C-alpha atoms as a PDB file:
ATOM      1  CA  MET A   1     -15.941  -7.314   8.863  1.00  0.00           C
ATOM      2  CA  ARG A   2     -17.105  -4.786   6.321  1.00  0.00           C
ATOM      3  CA  ASP A   3     -20.623  -4.776   4.978  1.00  0.00           C
ATOM      4  CA  ARG A   4     -20.346  -6.004   1.382  1.00  0.00           C
ATOM      5  CA  ASN A   5     -23.910  -4.860   0.746  1.00  0.00           C
ATOM      6  CA  ASN A   6     -23.181  -1.269   1.714  1.00  0.00           C
ATOM      7  CA  PRO A   7     -19.706  -0.279   0.437  1.00  0.00           C
ATOM      8  CA  SER A   8     -18.750   3.399   0.517  1.00  0.00           C
ATOM      9  CA  PHE A   9     -16.977   5.542  -2.035  1.00  0.00           C
ATOM     10  CA  PHE A  10     -14.427   6.581   0.581  1.00  0.00           C
ATOM     11  CA  GLU A  11     -13.611   2.973   1.445  1.00  0.00           C
ATOM     12  CA  ALA A  12     -12.918   2.332  -2.237  1.00  0.00           C
ATOM     13  CA  VAL A  13     -10.677   5.405  -2.445  1.00  0.00           C
ATOM     14  CA  GLU A  14      -8.814   4.333   0.679  1.00  0.00           C
ATOM     15  CA  LEU A  15      -8.074   0.844  -0.639  1.00  0.00           C
ATOM     16  CA  ASP A  16      -7.925   1.245  -4.438  1.00  0.00           C
ATOM     17  CA  PRO A  17      -4.557  -0.319  -5.443  1.00  0.00           C
ATOM     18  CA  HIS A  18      -4.465   1.693  -8.677  1.00  0.00           C
ATOM     19  CA  LEU A  19      -4.741   5.088  -7.014  1.00  0.00           C
ATOM     20  CA  LYS A  20      -1.307   6.670  -7.057  1.00  0.00           C
ATOM     21  CA  LEU A  21      -1.484   8.199  -3.586  1.00  0.00           C
ATOM     22  CA  GLY A  22       0.258   7.275  -0.356  1.00  0.00           C
ATOM     23  CA  PRO A  23      -1.730   6.388   2.787  1.00  0.00           C
ATOM     24  CA  GLU A  24      -1.425   9.869   4.336  1.00  0.00           C
ATOM     25  CA  GLU A  25      -2.358  11.566   1.067  1.00  0.00           C
ATOM     26  CA  ARG A  26      -5.410   9.331   0.802  1.00  0.00           C
ATOM     27  CA  ARG A  27      -6.460  10.267   4.328  1.00  0.00           C
ATOM     28  CA  ILE A  28      -6.163  13.970   3.514  1.00  0.00           C
ATOM     29  CA  TYR A  29      -7.947  13.536   0.192  1.00  0.00           C
ATOM     30  CA  ILE A  30     -10.851  11.608   1.736  1.00  0.00           C
ATOM     31  CA  LYS A  31     -11.251  14.042   4.634  1.00  0.00           C
ATOM     32  CA  ASP A  32     -11.322  16.961   2.205  1.00  0.00           C
ATOM     33  CA  LEU A  33     -13.881  15.295  -0.097  1.00  0.00           C
ATOM     34  CA  ASP A  34     -16.118  14.454   2.846  1.00  0.00           C
ATOM     35  CA  ARG A  35     -16.486  18.040   4.080  1.00  0.00           C
ATOM     36  CA  ARG A  36     -19.991  19.509   4.217  1.00  0.00           C
ATOM     37  CA  SER A  37     -18.844  22.413   2.062  1.00  0.00           C
ATOM     38  CA  THR A  38     -18.397  19.956  -0.835  1.00  0.00           C
ATOM     39  CA  ARG A  39     -22.040  18.907  -0.710  1.00  0.00           C
ATOM     40  CA  ILE A  40     -23.682  22.179   0.375  1.00  0.00           C
ATOM     41  CA  LEU A  41     -21.588  25.166  -0.695  1.00  0.00           C
ATOM     42  CA  LEU A  42     -19.738  23.859  -3.754  1.00  0.00           C
ATOM     43  CA  PRO A  43     -22.734  23.776  -6.149  1.00  0.00           C
ATOM     44  CA  ILE A  44     -23.695  27.338  -5.193  1.00  0.00           C
ATOM     45  CA  ILE A  45     -20.185  28.774  -5.272  1.00  0.00           C
ATOM     46  CA  ARG A  46     -19.393  26.984  -8.547  1.00  0.00           C
ATOM     47  CA  PHE A  47     -22.367  28.655 -10.249  1.00  0.00           C
ATOM     48  CA  ILE A  48     -21.569  32.114  -8.855  1.00  0.00           C
ATOM     49  CA  ALA A  49     -17.808  31.855  -9.457  1.00  0.00           C
ATOM     50  CA  VAL A  50     -18.029  30.588 -13.056  1.00  0.00           C
ATOM     51  CA  ALA A  51     -20.512  33.333 -13.950  1.00  0.00           C
ATOM     52  CA  GLY A  52     -18.384  35.940 -12.148  1.00  0.00           C
ATOM     53  CA  ILE A  53     -15.198  34.807 -13.874  1.00  0.00           C
ATOM     54  CA  HIS A  54     -16.647  35.252 -17.358  1.00  0.00           C
ATOM     55  CA  ILE A  55     -18.325  38.552 -16.514  1.00  0.00           C
ATOM     56  CA  VAL A  56     -15.075  40.000 -15.121  1.00  0.00           C
ATOM     57  CA  ARG A  57     -13.079  38.732 -18.113  1.00  0.00           C
ATOM     58  CA  THR A  58     -15.526  40.280 -20.558  1.00  0.00           C
ATOM     59  CA  ILE A  59     -15.485  43.641 -18.763  1.00  0.00           C
ATOM     60  CA  LYS A  60     -11.680  43.661 -18.624  1.00  0.00           C
ATOM     61  CA  ARG A  61     -11.428  42.947 -22.344  1.00  0.00           C
ATOM     62  CA  LEU A  62     -13.791  45.828 -23.151  1.00  0.00           C
ATOM     63  CA  LEU A  63     -11.981  48.395 -21.004  1.00  0.00           C
ATOM     64  CA  PRO A  64      -9.306  50.533 -22.723  1.00  0.00           C
ATOM     65  CA  PHE A  65      -6.971  50.133 -19.742  1.00  0.00           C
ATOM     66  CA  THR A  66      -5.573  47.274 -17.654  1.00  0.00           C
ATOM     67  CA  ILE A  67      -6.867  46.468 -14.182  1.00  0.00           C
ATOM     68  CA  LYS A  68      -4.651  44.330 -11.975  1.00  0.00           C
ATOM     69  CA  SER A  69      -3.073  44.298  -8.522  1.00  0.00           C
ATOM     70  CA  HIS A  70      -0.550  41.686  -7.469  1.00  0.00           C
ATOM     71  CA  THR A  71      -0.350  43.360  -4.060  1.00  0.00           C
ATOM     72  CA  LEU A  72      -4.031  42.741  -3.358  1.00  0.00           C
ATOM     73  CA  LEU A  73      -3.774  39.245  -4.813  1.00  0.00           C
ATOM     74  CA  ASN A  74      -0.885  38.429  -2.467  1.00  0.00           C
ATOM     75  CA  LYS A  75      -2.676  39.753   0.608  1.00  0.00           C
ATOM     76  CA  MET A  76      -6.111  38.340  -0.191  1.00  0.00           C
ATOM     77  CA  GLY A  77      -4.708  34.992  -1.262  1.00  0.00           C
ATOM     78  CA  VAL A  78      -2.642  34.401   1.858  1.00  0.00           C
ATOM     79  CA  TRP A  79      -5.499  35.577   4.122  1.00  0.00           C
ATOM     80  CA  PHE A  80      -8.015  33.313   2.387  1.00  0.00           C
ATOM     81  CA  MET A  81      -5.794  30.233   2.460  1.00  0.00           C
ATOM     82  CA  ARG A  82      -4.694  30.822   6.057  1.00  0.00           C
ATOM     83  CA  ASP A  83      -8.101  31.515   7.622  1.00  0.00           C
ATOM     84  CA  LEU A  84     -10.865  30.174   5.368  1.00  0.00           C
ATOM     85  CA  ILE A  85      -9.838  26.792   3.961  1.00  0.00           C
ATOM     86  CA  SER A  86      -9.321  23.479   5.704  1.00  0.00           C
ATOM     87  CA  PRO A  87      -5.856  22.317   6.771  1.00  0.00           C
ATOM     88  CA  GLU A  88      -6.237  19.448   4.281  1.00  0.00           C
ATOM     89  CA  ALA A  89      -6.996  21.838   1.409  1.00  0.00           C
ATOM     90  CA  LEU A  90      -4.066  24.054   2.367  1.00  0.00           C
ATOM     91  CA  GLU A  91      -1.707  21.083   2.518  1.00  0.00           C
ATOM     92  CA  TYR A  92      -3.013  19.939  -0.856  1.00  0.00           C
ATOM     93  CA  ILE A  93      -2.254  23.350  -2.386  1.00  0.00           C
ATOM     94  CA  ILE A  94       1.233  23.665  -0.896  1.00  0.00           C
ATOM     95  CA  ARG A  95       2.014  20.094  -1.878  1.00  0.00           C
ATOM     96  CA  HIS A  96       0.924  20.808  -5.449  1.00  0.00           C
ATOM     97  CA  PHE A  97       3.426  23.663  -5.724  1.00  0.00           C
ATOM     98  CA  GLN A  98       6.179  21.386  -4.425  1.00  0.00           C
ATOM     99  CA  TYR A  99       5.214  18.440  -6.623  1.00  0.00           C
ATOM    100  CA  GLU A 100       5.108  20.406  -9.867  1.00  0.00           C
ATOM    101  CA  SER A 101       8.471  22.026  -9.092  1.00  0.00           C
ATOM    102  CA  ALA A 102       9.853  18.534  -8.403  1.00  0.00           C
ATOM    103  CA  LEU A 103       8.588  17.269 -11.785  1.00  0.00           C
ATOM    104  CA  ILE A 104      10.129  20.249 -13.564  1.00  0.00           C
ATOM    105  CA  ASN A 105      13.487  19.698 -11.862  1.00  0.00           C
ATOM    106  CA  PHE A 106      13.304  15.958 -12.557  1.00  0.00           C
ATOM    107  CA  VAL A 107      13.035  16.688 -16.288  1.00  0.00           C
ATOM    108  CA  ALA A 108      15.815  19.287 -16.037  1.00  0.00           C
ATOM    109  CA  ASN A 109      18.067  16.776 -14.262  1.00  0.00           C
ATOM    110  CA  ASN A 110      17.533  14.025 -16.817  1.00  0.00           C
ATOM    111  CA  CYS A 111      17.217  15.803 -20.175  1.00  0.00           C
ATOM    112  CA  GLN A 112      21.014  15.761 -20.723  1.00  0.00           C
ATOM    113  CA  SER A 113      21.283  19.540 -21.134  1.00  0.00           C
ATOM    114  CA  GLU A 114      22.761  22.209 -18.895  1.00  0.00           C
ATOM    115  CA  GLY A 115      20.613  24.837 -20.577  1.00  0.00           C
ATOM    116  CA  VAL A 116      17.349  23.810 -18.909  1.00  0.00           C
ATOM    117  CA  GLN A 117      16.982  25.829 -15.730  1.00  0.00           C
ATOM    118  CA  HIS A 118      15.838  24.457 -12.402  1.00  0.00           C
ATOM    119  CA  VAL A 119      13.141  26.065 -10.264  1.00  0.00           C
ATOM    120  CA  ASP A 120      13.117  26.776  -6.549  1.00  0.00           C
ATOM    121  CA  LEU A 121       9.429  27.272  -5.761  1.00  0.00           C
ATOM    122  CA  PHE A 122       9.061  24.932  -2.771  1.00  0.00           C
ATOM    123  CA  PRO A 123       6.753  26.652  -0.267  1.00  0.00           C
ATOM    124  CA  THR A 124       6.375  25.053   3.139  1.00  0.00           C
ATOM    125  CA  HIS A 125       3.992  27.561   4.746  1.00  0.00           C
ATOM    126  CA  VAL A 126       0.983  29.608   3.673  1.00  0.00           C
ATOM    127  CA  SER A 127       2.985  32.824   4.104  1.00  0.00           C
ATOM    128  CA  GLN A 128       5.095  31.721   1.114  1.00  0.00           C
ATOM    129  CA  LEU A 129       2.083  31.579  -1.228  1.00  0.00           C
ATOM    130  CA  GLY A 130       1.938  35.326  -1.750  1.00  0.00           C
ATOM    131  CA  ASP A 131       4.884  37.440  -2.831  1.00  0.00           C
ATOM    132  CA  VAL A 132       7.995  35.497  -3.860  1.00  0.00           C
ATOM    133  CA  SER A 133      10.847  37.895  -4.654  1.00  0.00           C
ATOM    134  CA  GLY A 134       8.467  40.354  -6.294  1.00  0.00           C
ATOM    135  CA  THR A 135       6.299  37.806  -8.116  1.00  0.00           C
ATOM    136  CA  ASN A 136       3.059  36.235  -6.951  1.00  0.00           C
ATOM    137  CA  ALA A 137       3.591  32.539  -6.139  1.00  0.00           C
ATOM    138  CA  ILE A 138       0.771  31.374  -8.419  1.00  0.00           C
ATOM    139  CA  VAL A 139       2.071  33.489 -11.293  1.00  0.00           C
ATOM    140  CA  LEU A 140       5.597  32.158 -10.706  1.00  0.00           C
ATOM    141  CA  HIS A 141       4.215  28.625 -10.619  1.00  0.00           C
ATOM    142  CA  ASP A 142       2.788  29.151 -14.116  1.00  0.00           C
ATOM    143  CA  LEU A 143       5.946  30.835 -15.416  1.00  0.00           C
ATOM    144  CA  ASN A 144       8.009  27.843 -14.326  1.00  0.00           C
ATOM    145  CA  ILE A 145       6.182  25.343 -16.552  1.00  0.00           C
ATOM    146  CA  TYR A 146       6.215  27.743 -19.515  1.00  0.00           C
ATOM    147  CA  ASN A 147       9.952  28.293 -19.143  1.00  0.00           C
ATOM    148  CA  LEU A 148      10.594  24.556 -18.869  1.00  0.00           C
ATOM    149  CA  ILE A 149       8.809  23.790 -22.130  1.00  0.00           C
ATOM    150  CA  ILE A 150      10.509  26.706 -23.908  1.00  0.00           C
ATOM    151  CA  ASP A 151      13.920  25.673 -22.520  1.00  0.00           C
ATOM    152  CA  LEU A 152      13.392  22.106 -23.733  1.00  0.00           C
ATOM    153  CA  GLY A 153      12.742  23.340 -27.241  1.00  0.00           C
ATOM    154  CA  SER A 154      15.501  25.970 -27.267  1.00  0.00           C
ATOM    155  CA  HIS A 155      18.573  23.806 -26.655  1.00  0.00           C
ATOM    156  CA  PRO A 156      19.684  21.309 -29.327  1.00  0.00           C
ATOM    157  CA  ASP A 157      21.326  18.996 -26.782  1.00  0.00           C
ATOM    158  CA  VAL A 158      18.061  18.361 -24.923  1.00  0.00           C
ATOM    159  CA  ASN A 159      16.817  14.770 -25.119  1.00  0.00           C
ATOM    160  CA  VAL A 160      13.305  14.162 -23.830  1.00  0.00           C
ATOM    161  CA  PHE A 161      12.456  11.431 -26.351  1.00  0.00           C
ATOM    162  CA  ASP A 162      14.696   8.519 -25.389  1.00  0.00           C
ATOM    163  CA  GLN A 163      14.497   6.335 -22.321  1.00  0.00           C
ATOM    164  CA  VAL A 164      17.169   6.834 -19.673  1.00  0.00           C
ATOM    165  CA  PRO A 165      18.484   3.573 -18.174  1.00  0.00           C
ATOM    166  CA  MET A 166      16.828   3.106 -14.792  1.00  0.00           C
ATOM    167  CA  ASP A 167      20.148   3.021 -12.951  1.00  0.00           C
ATOM    168  CA  LYS A 168      21.137   6.330 -14.596  1.00  0.00           C
ATOM    169  CA  ILE A 169      17.989   8.307 -13.731  1.00  0.00           C
ATOM    170  CA  ASP A 170      18.523  11.129 -11.245  1.00  0.00           C
ATOM    171  CA  PHE A 171      15.669  10.995  -8.713  1.00  0.00           C
ATOM    172  CA  SER A 172      17.111  13.635  -6.363  1.00  0.00           C
ATOM    173  CA  ALA A 173      14.460  16.201  -7.372  1.00  0.00           C
ATOM    174  CA  LEU A 174      11.847  14.151  -5.531  1.00  0.00           C
ATOM    175  CA  GLN A 175      13.236  15.097  -2.118  1.00  0.00           C
ATOM    176  CA  LEU A 176      10.929  17.745  -0.648  1.00  0.00           C
ATOM    177  CA  PRO A 177      10.874  19.842   2.534  1.00  0.00           C
ATOM    178  CA  PRO A 178       8.188  19.230   5.207  1.00  0.00           C
ATOM    179  CA  ILE A 179       4.974  21.267   5.165  1.00  0.00           C
ATOM    180  CA  ASP A 180       3.499  23.254   8.055  1.00  0.00           C
ATOM    181  CA  VAL A 181      -0.233  24.016   7.708  1.00  0.00           C
ATOM    182  CA  GLU A 182      -0.682  25.259  11.285  1.00  0.00           C
ATOM    183  CA  LYS A 183      -3.404  22.758  12.167  1.00  0.00           C
ATOM    184  CA  GLU A 184      -3.756  24.436  15.549  1.00  0.00           C
ATOM    185  CA  ASN A 185      -4.791  27.695  13.884  1.00  0.00           C
ATOM    186  CA  LYS A 186      -8.491  28.423  14.471  1.00  0.00           C
ATOM    187  CA  ARG A 187     -10.009  29.005  11.055  1.00  0.00           C
ATOM    188  CA  TRP A 188     -13.177  30.988  10.405  1.00  0.00           C
ATOM    189  CA  LEU A 189     -14.339  28.452   7.850  1.00  0.00           C
ATOM    190  CA  LYS A 190     -12.925  25.255   6.417  1.00  0.00           C
ATOM    191  CA  PHE A 191     -13.647  25.192   2.705  1.00  0.00           C
ATOM    192  CA  ASP A 192     -12.743  22.025   0.819  1.00  0.00           C
ATOM    193  CA  ILE A 193     -10.184  22.190  -1.988  1.00  0.00           C
ATOM    194  CA  GLU A 194     -12.668  22.389  -4.884  1.00  0.00           C
ATOM    195  CA  THR A 195     -14.813  25.104  -3.315  1.00  0.00           C
ATOM    196  CA  SER A 196     -11.615  26.958  -2.455  1.00  0.00           C
ATOM    197  CA  ALA A 197     -10.377  26.618  -6.051  1.00  0.00           C
ATOM    198  CA  TYR A 198     -13.459  28.339  -7.473  1.00  0.00           C
ATOM    199  CA  ILE A 199     -13.076  31.243  -5.076  1.00  0.00           C
ATOM    200  CA  MET A 200      -9.337  31.568  -5.670  1.00  0.00           C
ATOM    201  CA  VAL A 201      -9.664  31.448  -9.463  1.00  0.00           C
ATOM    202  CA  PHE A 202     -12.249  34.227  -9.276  1.00  0.00           C
ATOM    203  CA  PHE A 203      -9.770  36.378  -7.349  1.00  0.00           C
ATOM    204  CA  LEU A 204      -7.044  35.503  -9.848  1.00  0.00           C
ATOM    205  CA  VAL A 205      -9.218  36.739 -12.693  1.00  0.00           C
ATOM    206  CA  LEU A 206     -10.115  39.832 -10.678  1.00  0.00           C
ATOM    207  CA  TYR A 207      -6.577  40.835  -9.681  1.00  0.00           C
ATOM    208  CA  LEU A 208      -4.500  39.621 -12.638  1.00  0.00           C
ATOM    209  CA  SER A 209      -4.535  41.303 -16.017  1.00  0.00           C
ATOM    210  CA  ASP A 210      -6.568  39.497 -18.677  1.00  0.00           C
ATOM    211  CA  GLU A 211      -3.319  38.418 -20.369  1.00  0.00           C
ATOM    212  CA  GLU A 212      -1.926  36.990 -17.117  1.00  0.00           C
ATOM    213  CA  GLY A 213      -5.181  35.177 -16.370  1.00  0.00           C
ATOM    214  CA  GLU A 214      -5.286  33.690 -19.847  1.00  0.00           C
ATOM    215  CA  ARG A 215      -1.677  32.579 -19.575  1.00  0.00           C
ATOM    216  CA  ALA A 216      -2.433  30.868 -16.257  1.00  0.00           C
ATOM    217  CA  ALA A 217      -5.413  28.998 -17.702  1.00  0.00           C
ATOM    218  CA  LEU A 218      -3.569  27.990 -20.855  1.00  0.00           C
ATOM    219  CA  SER A 219      -0.636  26.640 -18.827  1.00  0.00           C
ATOM    220  CA  LEU A 220      -2.812  23.602 -18.068  1.00  0.00           C
ATOM    221  CA  GLN A 221      -2.475  22.613 -21.732  1.00  0.00           C
ATOM    222  CA  LEU A 222       1.246  22.017 -21.168  1.00  0.00           C
ATOM    223  CA  ASP A 223       0.607  19.006 -18.922  1.00  0.00           C
ATOM    224  CA  GLU A 224       0.651  16.679 -21.918  1.00  0.00           C
ATOM    225  CA  SER A 225       4.151  17.844 -22.890  1.00  0.00           C
ATOM    226  CA  LEU A 226       5.401  17.446 -19.323  1.00  0.00           C
ATOM    227  CA  MET A 227       3.911  13.957 -18.985  1.00  0.00           C
ATOM    228  CA  ALA A 228       5.265  12.940 -22.404  1.00  0.00           C
ATOM    229  CA  SER A 229       8.781  13.863 -21.241  1.00  0.00           C
ATOM    230  CA  LEU A 230       8.340  11.797 -18.066  1.00  0.00           C
ATOM    231  CA  ALA A 231       6.989   8.836 -20.052  1.00  0.00           C
ATOM    232  CA  ASN A 232       9.842   8.928 -22.575  1.00  0.00           C
ATOM    233  CA  MET A 233      12.589   9.324 -19.976  1.00  0.00           C
ATOM    234  CA  THR A 234      11.342   6.566 -17.670  1.00  0.00           C
ATOM    235  CA  GLY A 235       9.869   4.228 -20.291  1.00  0.00           C
ATOM    236  CA  ASP A 236       6.632   4.224 -18.263  1.00  0.00           C
ATOM    237  CA  ASP A 237       3.567   5.021 -20.385  1.00  0.00           C
ATOM    238  CA  TYR A 238       1.464   5.464 -17.250  1.00  0.00           C
ATOM    239  CA  PHE A 239       2.352   9.159 -17.372  1.00  0.00           C
ATOM    240  CA  ARG A 240       0.588   9.520 -20.745  1.00  0.00           C
ATOM    241  CA  ASN A 241      -2.635   8.298 -19.137  1.00  0.00           C
ATOM    242  CA  LEU A 242      -2.630  11.342 -16.871  1.00  0.00           C
ATOM    243  CA  CYS A 243      -3.750  13.539 -19.776  1.00  0.00           C
ATOM    244  CA  PRO A 244      -7.155  12.034 -20.626  1.00  0.00           C
ATOM    245  CA  VAL A 245      -8.179  15.074 -22.675  1.00  0.00           C
ATOM    246  CA  LYS A 246      -5.555  15.469 -25.382  1.00  0.00           C
ATOM    247  CA  TYR A 247      -4.789  19.091 -26.102  1.00  0.00           C
ATOM    248  CA  THR A 248      -3.864  20.580 -29.432  1.00  0.00           C
ATOM    249  CA  HIS A 249      -2.677  23.792 -27.749  1.00  0.00           C
ATOM    250  CA  TRP A 250      -5.446  26.128 -28.800  1.00  0.00           C
ATOM    251  CA  LEU A 251      -5.699  29.702 -27.584  1.00  0.00           C
ATOM    252  CA  ARG A 252      -8.767  29.217 -25.431  1.00  0.00           C
ATOM    253  CA  TYR A 253      -9.843  27.351 -22.348  1.00  0.00           C
ATOM    254  CA  HIS A 254     -12.948  25.553 -21.202  1.00  0.00           C
ATOM    255  CA  PHE A 255     -15.964  27.330 -19.766  1.00  0.00           C
ATOM    256  CA  ASP A 256     -15.223  25.829 -16.343  1.00  0.00           C
ATOM    257  CA  VAL A 257     -11.481  26.331 -15.951  1.00  0.00           C
ATOM    258  CA  VAL A 258     -11.496  25.033 -12.363  1.00  0.00           C
ATOM    259  CA  LYS A 259     -12.461  21.592 -13.672  1.00  0.00           C
ATOM    260  CA  ASP A 260      -9.298  21.676 -15.784  1.00  0.00           C
ATOM    261  CA  LEU A 261      -7.347  22.872 -12.759  1.00  0.00           C
ATOM    262  CA  ARG A 262      -8.534  19.929 -10.660  1.00  0.00           C
ATOM    263  CA  TRP A 263      -7.490  17.496 -13.423  1.00  0.00           C
ATOM    264  CA  HIS A 264      -4.113  19.213 -13.497  1.00  0.00           C
ATOM    265  CA  MET A 265      -3.584  19.024  -9.739  1.00  0.00           C
ATOM    266  CA  MET A 266      -4.483  15.344  -9.559  1.00  0.00           C
ATOM    267  CA  SER A 267      -2.311  14.518 -12.580  1.00  0.00           C
ATOM    268  CA  VAL A 268       0.711  16.182 -10.992  1.00  0.00           C
ATOM    269  CA  ASP A 269      -0.057  14.401  -7.719  1.00  0.00           C
ATOM    270  CA  PHE A 270      -0.215  10.987  -9.415  1.00  0.00           C
ATOM    271  CA  ALA A 271       2.885  11.660 -11.530  1.00  0.00           C
ATOM    272  CA  TYR A 272       4.994  12.557  -8.507  1.00  0.00           C
ATOM    273  CA  ASN A 273       3.890   9.423  -6.649  1.00  0.00           C
ATOM    274  CA  GLN A 274       4.594   7.262  -9.698  1.00  0.00           C
ATOM    275  CA  LEU A 275       8.135   8.653  -9.821  1.00  0.00           C
ATOM    276  CA  LEU A 276       8.520   7.746  -6.154  1.00  0.00           C
ATOM    277  CA  LYS A 277       7.490   4.190  -7.009  1.00  0.00           C
ATOM    278  CA  LEU A 278      10.019   4.051  -9.867  1.00  0.00           C
ATOM    279  CA  ASN A 279      12.692   5.361  -7.508  1.00  0.00           C
ATOM    280  CA  GLU A 280      11.932   2.548  -5.078  1.00  0.00           C
ATOM    281  CA  GLN A 281      12.167  -0.005  -7.884  1.00  0.00           C
ATOM    282  CA  SER A 282      15.493   1.458  -8.998  1.00  0.00           C
ATOM    283  CA  SER A 283      16.866   1.335  -5.441  1.00  0.00           C
ATOM    284  CA  ARG A 284      15.826  -2.310  -5.075  1.00  0.00           C
ATOM    285  CA  GLN A 285      17.499  -3.203  -8.370  1.00  0.00           C
ATOM    286  CA  LYS A 286      20.726  -1.511  -7.325  1.00  0.00           C
ATOM    287  CA  ALA A 287      20.613  -3.235  -3.923  1.00  0.00           C
ATOM    288  CA  GLY A 288      20.172  -6.624  -5.610  1.00  0.00           C
ATOM    289  CA  GLU A 289      23.187  -6.218  -7.866  1.00  0.00           C
END
C-alpha cells in the first residue's frame, strides 16, 4: 500500500489520468525529470545559457557581417546528443521530430487540398539529427511548420475550419518508425532534456545567423494555428488547451526562449497522443458498425 501521507510528484505523474502520455512515455519522462542534473546543473546552466544567448544575439546584430556555420552545428549537435545527454532525453528529442512531422502530415491528409505538401523528417537515430540533404535537421524542422501554415493559407480549396466526420479522418500519418537511442553507448554525461535544451539553444544561436535563430524562436508562435486546425478537423477542443499562452504573432520572443520550447515540445507530445486516442475511438466505432 502507498503512503497517503507522503505522496510523490512522480507517483502523481505516473498515474494522472489526464496526462496525455502512454505508460512508456511516462516512464521516460519521469526518469528524465528525476536526474541529478535537473536539480544541480539546470539552475546554473540556465543562468549562463540565457545570458550567453542574449549576449551573442546582440553582438551578431551589431556586426556588419553574418556569422554562421551549419557544418559546425551539425557536427557539434550530433556529438552533444550522442555522448552528453541521457538516452531518455535523446529519445524525447527524436520523438519530438517524429511527432511534429506526424501532426503536419495529419493536417495535410485531412485539409481536403492536394496543394499542402507532406514532410518526411522522421529521424530514428542521432546521426540523422545533423545534416539532412544539405539542411540542418533543426532548421528543416522549423521550415516544415512554416511551410505548412503558408500552404494552408495559399490554396483556396484548403478546409481547416470544419469538422471531418470521424469515420472519414485519415489517421495514417500517426504511424511512426521505431527509434534507436543506443542505450548501450557509454555516455560521458547524461544531461536531462531541459538542461540539454539550454545548451543546444545556445549553440543554435551561436552557429545560426541571427535571422535563422529568430525564425526558429518565432516558429513556436505557430503552435496555436496548428492546434486550431487539429481542433477544427477532429471536433475536439482539447487541442486548443495546448496553447495556454495565446499568441498574437509578434516579431519577438520571450527572454527565456527555452521555456517556450519546452511548452512547445510537451504540446506536440500531448497532441500526438490525443490523436492516437481519437484513432482508437474511431476504430472501435467502425468495428461496432
